[in-house]
Protein backbone atom coordinates (compact mmCIF):
# COMPACT_ATOMS: atom_id res chain seq x y z
CA MET A 1 50.79 -25.32 -65.99
CA GLU A 2 48.36 -22.93 -67.88
CA ASN A 3 47.69 -19.63 -66.19
CA ILE A 4 43.98 -19.31 -65.73
CA GLU A 5 42.66 -15.79 -66.06
CA ASN A 6 39.37 -14.78 -64.35
CA ASN A 7 38.25 -11.38 -65.88
CA ASN A 8 34.90 -11.51 -63.49
CA ILE A 9 36.83 -10.88 -60.39
CA PRO A 10 36.81 -7.32 -59.99
CA GLU A 11 39.90 -5.30 -58.38
CA ILE A 12 39.33 -4.61 -54.50
CA ASN A 13 40.36 -1.19 -53.33
CA PRO A 14 41.37 -1.60 -49.48
CA GLU A 15 40.18 1.87 -48.88
CA GLU A 16 36.55 1.07 -50.08
CA VAL A 17 36.53 -2.05 -47.71
CA VAL A 18 37.21 0.02 -44.90
CA GLU A 19 34.35 2.41 -45.83
CA THR A 20 32.02 -0.29 -46.59
CA GLY A 21 32.73 -1.93 -43.07
CA LYS A 22 31.75 1.18 -41.29
CA LYS A 23 28.16 1.37 -39.93
CA LYS A 24 26.64 4.88 -40.09
CA ILE A 25 24.77 5.64 -36.49
CA ASP A 26 21.36 7.51 -37.07
CA TRP A 27 21.47 9.45 -33.67
CA LYS A 28 18.04 11.00 -34.46
CA LYS A 29 16.39 7.37 -34.75
CA GLU A 30 18.49 6.08 -31.42
CA ILE A 31 17.16 8.92 -29.37
CA ARG A 32 13.46 8.58 -30.44
CA GLU A 33 13.64 4.84 -29.90
CA TRP A 34 15.05 5.47 -26.24
CA ILE A 35 12.18 7.97 -25.17
CA VAL A 36 9.59 5.87 -26.76
CA THR A 37 11.07 2.90 -24.37
CA ILE A 38 11.24 5.17 -21.58
CA VAL A 39 7.58 6.78 -22.02
CA VAL A 40 6.30 3.08 -22.38
CA ALA A 41 7.81 1.76 -19.11
CA ALA A 42 6.95 4.84 -17.47
CA LEU A 43 3.34 4.20 -18.66
CA ILE A 44 3.25 0.74 -17.74
CA ALA A 45 4.37 1.53 -14.35
CA PHE A 46 2.02 4.13 -13.71
CA ILE A 47 -0.85 1.95 -14.55
CA LEU A 48 0.28 -1.11 -12.61
CA GLN A 49 0.85 1.57 -9.30
CA THR A 50 -2.52 3.16 -9.95
CA PHE A 51 -4.72 -0.09 -10.54
CA PHE A 52 -3.13 -3.13 -9.89
CA MET A 53 -0.20 -3.00 -7.15
CA GLN A 54 2.27 -1.15 -5.23
CA ILE A 55 5.11 -1.37 -2.78
CA ALA A 56 4.73 0.20 0.59
CA CYS A 57 7.22 0.88 3.17
CA VAL A 58 5.94 0.76 7.16
CA SER A 59 6.82 3.77 8.91
CA GLY A 60 6.32 3.91 12.92
CA PRO A 61 5.30 1.14 15.63
CA SER A 62 1.55 1.13 15.17
CA MET A 63 1.33 -2.37 13.56
CA GLU A 64 3.82 -4.00 15.83
CA ALA A 65 4.38 -6.93 16.62
CA THR A 66 2.76 -7.96 13.02
CA LEU A 67 4.99 -5.52 11.12
CA GLN A 68 7.81 -3.37 12.00
CA ASP A 69 9.22 -0.07 10.84
CA LYS A 70 10.84 -0.13 7.60
CA ASP A 71 9.02 -3.40 6.49
CA VAL A 72 8.32 -3.26 2.75
CA LEU A 73 5.08 -4.70 1.87
CA TYR A 74 3.14 -5.80 -1.51
CA VAL A 75 0.10 -4.25 -1.68
CA ASN A 76 -2.82 -5.60 -3.94
CA LYS A 77 -5.04 -3.16 -5.24
CA PHE A 78 -6.89 -4.84 -8.11
CA MET A 79 -10.63 -5.73 -7.48
CA TYR A 80 -10.07 -5.75 -3.65
CA THR A 81 -13.13 -6.00 -1.45
CA PRO A 82 -12.53 -4.93 2.09
CA GLU A 83 -12.83 -7.94 4.65
CA LYS A 84 -12.45 -8.13 8.45
CA GLY A 85 -8.84 -8.88 9.77
CA ASP A 86 -7.27 -7.65 6.30
CA VAL A 87 -4.28 -5.44 6.62
CA VAL A 88 -4.79 -2.31 4.46
CA ILE A 89 -3.19 0.84 3.39
CA VAL A 90 -5.44 3.59 4.02
CA ASN A 91 -5.35 7.26 2.71
CA THR A 92 -5.96 9.81 5.65
CA GLU A 93 -5.77 12.89 3.50
CA LYS A 94 -9.74 13.54 3.90
CA LEU A 95 -9.39 13.50 7.62
CA ILE A 96 -6.70 16.41 7.88
CA ASP A 97 -7.65 19.85 8.69
CA LYS A 98 -6.26 22.26 6.27
CA ASN A 99 -6.15 24.91 9.12
CA ASP A 100 -3.90 22.47 10.90
CA PRO A 101 -0.44 23.99 11.62
CA TYR A 102 0.95 20.72 10.96
CA TYR A 103 -1.03 20.06 7.86
CA GLU A 104 2.16 19.88 5.44
CA GLN A 105 3.72 17.13 7.47
CA LYS A 106 0.54 15.33 8.07
CA LEU A 107 0.04 15.42 4.44
CA LYS A 108 3.43 13.76 3.78
CA GLU A 109 2.51 10.86 6.32
CA LYS A 110 -1.20 10.31 5.12
CA TYR A 111 -0.60 6.72 4.10
CA HIS A 112 -1.18 4.44 7.07
CA VAL A 113 -0.90 0.75 7.67
CA LYS A 114 -4.12 -0.46 9.44
CA ARG A 115 -6.22 -3.66 10.10
CA ILE A 116 -10.01 -3.71 9.34
CA ILE A 117 -11.84 -4.80 12.43
CA ALA A 118 -15.41 -4.17 11.21
CA THR A 119 -17.23 -3.29 8.01
CA GLU A 120 -20.47 -1.73 6.73
CA GLY A 121 -23.33 -2.94 8.65
CA ASP A 122 -21.21 -4.47 11.42
CA SER A 123 -21.76 -3.27 15.11
CA LEU A 124 -18.58 -2.77 17.20
CA TYR A 125 -17.91 -2.00 20.89
CA ILE A 126 -14.81 -2.12 23.10
CA ASP A 127 -14.97 -2.68 26.55
CA ASP A 128 -12.15 -0.26 28.00
CA GLU A 129 -12.04 -1.92 31.16
CA ASN A 130 -10.52 -5.23 29.79
CA GLY A 131 -9.64 -4.64 26.32
CA ASP A 132 -12.36 -6.59 24.77
CA VAL A 133 -13.42 -5.91 21.38
CA TYR A 134 -16.99 -7.23 20.36
CA VAL A 135 -18.20 -7.10 16.59
CA ASN A 136 -21.74 -7.85 16.14
CA GLY A 137 -22.26 -8.74 19.82
CA GLU A 138 -19.52 -11.37 19.87
CA LEU A 139 -15.81 -11.25 21.42
CA ILE A 140 -13.39 -11.45 18.65
CA ASP A 141 -10.06 -13.42 19.07
CA GLU A 142 -7.18 -11.30 18.10
CA PRO A 143 -4.04 -13.23 18.16
CA TYR A 144 -1.99 -10.51 16.40
CA ILE A 145 -2.46 -7.51 18.84
CA ASN A 146 0.94 -6.29 20.67
CA ASN A 147 -1.11 -5.02 23.69
CA ARG A 148 -4.66 -4.77 25.12
CA THR A 149 -7.00 -2.58 23.21
CA ASN A 150 -8.19 0.91 25.13
CA ILE A 151 -10.31 3.87 24.22
CA ASN A 152 -7.69 6.00 23.37
CA GLY A 153 -9.28 8.46 20.76
CA ALA A 154 -11.49 11.61 20.51
CA PHE A 155 -14.25 9.71 18.68
CA LEU A 156 -15.13 7.20 21.02
CA PHE A 157 -14.78 9.26 24.00
CA ASP A 158 -17.38 11.77 22.36
CA LEU A 159 -19.68 8.64 21.92
CA ILE A 160 -19.06 7.74 25.42
CA MET A 161 -19.93 11.11 26.97
CA ASN A 162 -23.05 11.26 24.88
CA GLY A 163 -24.13 7.87 26.24
CA ASP A 164 -23.87 6.34 22.80
CA PHE A 165 -21.40 3.45 23.43
CA SER A 166 -21.98 0.49 25.30
CA LEU A 167 -22.23 -3.34 24.55
CA GLU A 168 -26.23 -3.00 24.36
CA ASN A 169 -25.75 0.16 22.23
CA PRO A 170 -22.59 -0.28 20.17
CA LEU A 171 -21.28 1.52 17.05
CA VAL A 172 -23.09 0.57 13.80
CA LEU A 173 -21.12 1.17 10.47
CA LYS A 174 -22.99 2.56 7.97
CA GLU A 175 -22.80 1.90 4.29
CA ASN A 176 -19.12 2.05 2.66
CA GLU A 177 -17.79 2.32 6.38
CA ILE A 178 -14.79 0.50 8.03
CA PHE A 179 -13.45 0.55 11.58
CA VAL A 180 -9.67 0.16 11.61
CA MET A 181 -6.86 -0.14 14.22
CA GLY A 182 -3.27 -0.94 14.44
CA ASP A 183 -2.07 -4.00 16.11
CA ASN A 184 0.10 -2.16 18.60
CA ARG A 185 -3.00 -0.68 20.06
CA GLN A 186 -1.76 1.82 22.67
CA HIS A 187 0.45 3.45 19.97
CA SER A 188 -1.80 3.84 16.95
CA LEU A 189 -3.94 6.67 15.43
CA ASP A 190 -6.98 5.05 13.90
CA SER A 191 -10.72 4.79 14.03
CA ARG A 192 -10.81 5.36 17.73
CA ALA A 193 -9.74 8.80 17.25
CA ASN A 194 -10.86 9.59 13.75
CA GLY A 195 -14.33 7.67 13.47
CA PRO A 196 -14.88 5.01 10.85
CA TYR A 197 -13.08 5.30 7.78
CA THR A 198 -14.47 5.00 4.31
CA GLU A 199 -13.93 2.10 1.68
CA ASP A 200 -12.69 4.73 -1.04
CA MET A 201 -9.80 5.53 1.47
CA ILE A 202 -8.29 2.04 0.95
CA GLU A 203 -5.45 1.92 -1.17
CA GLY A 204 -4.94 -1.86 -1.30
CA HIS A 205 -4.61 -4.90 0.45
CA ALA A 206 -1.28 -5.71 2.04
CA VAL A 207 -0.89 -9.13 1.01
CA PHE A 208 2.61 -10.08 2.35
CA ARG A 209 6.10 -8.75 3.43
CA MET A 210 9.12 -8.35 0.86
CA TRP A 211 11.70 -6.96 3.06
CA PRO A 212 13.41 -7.72 5.23
CA ILE A 213 14.34 -10.97 3.35
CA SER A 214 14.37 -13.29 6.27
CA GLU A 215 10.64 -12.35 7.10
CA PHE A 216 9.64 -12.53 3.57
CA GLY A 217 6.19 -13.97 2.93
CA ASN A 218 2.80 -13.72 4.59
CA PHE A 219 3.02 -11.69 8.10
CA ASP A 220 -0.42 -12.58 9.62
CA LYS A 221 -0.51 -14.70 12.67
CA ASP A 222 -4.15 -15.81 12.46
């Protein structure tokens, strides 16, 4: 048998093989890529939170029985137009007196979940004797409320004392104004006390409940 000699096959140095198999990590490049990824993700989250959507957690009983304390809501912020019956998140910061000794605490609790009862141009009257709510002279159906509607706020009390609030002389909402109340009418701080809110106070429309899972989905009863 002939010996075949192949002079084209180089000698292999085991040490060179080991060295060639190692991949050097460019830590500066890795760190830069991680920083860019984090910054981009944070920017996307900021844009979504600011202009398109947000997640809100209910605090307190003012929207019972429609919503419960600790419910988590998906809130739409994109191109929202206020409509009667919508549940919205409102920012009440502009209503808080900076001289109030509880200013800091109230500021932390400035976001409220309420239902829009009337919008700009609507007239509104609440009959404190039987709890009926009239919008544009018509008694509205409110299957979502937890108890009868009463006049338990300084704003409406002042109107009554001045003779400016009756079925014949209702409150008429001005441009960009909305009147909001909680569904738990006897345990809600809302427009009855603070007066009409403005549309720029609306953070977004609460579309559906995300938590608890057993109640996932739309939460309105109407």
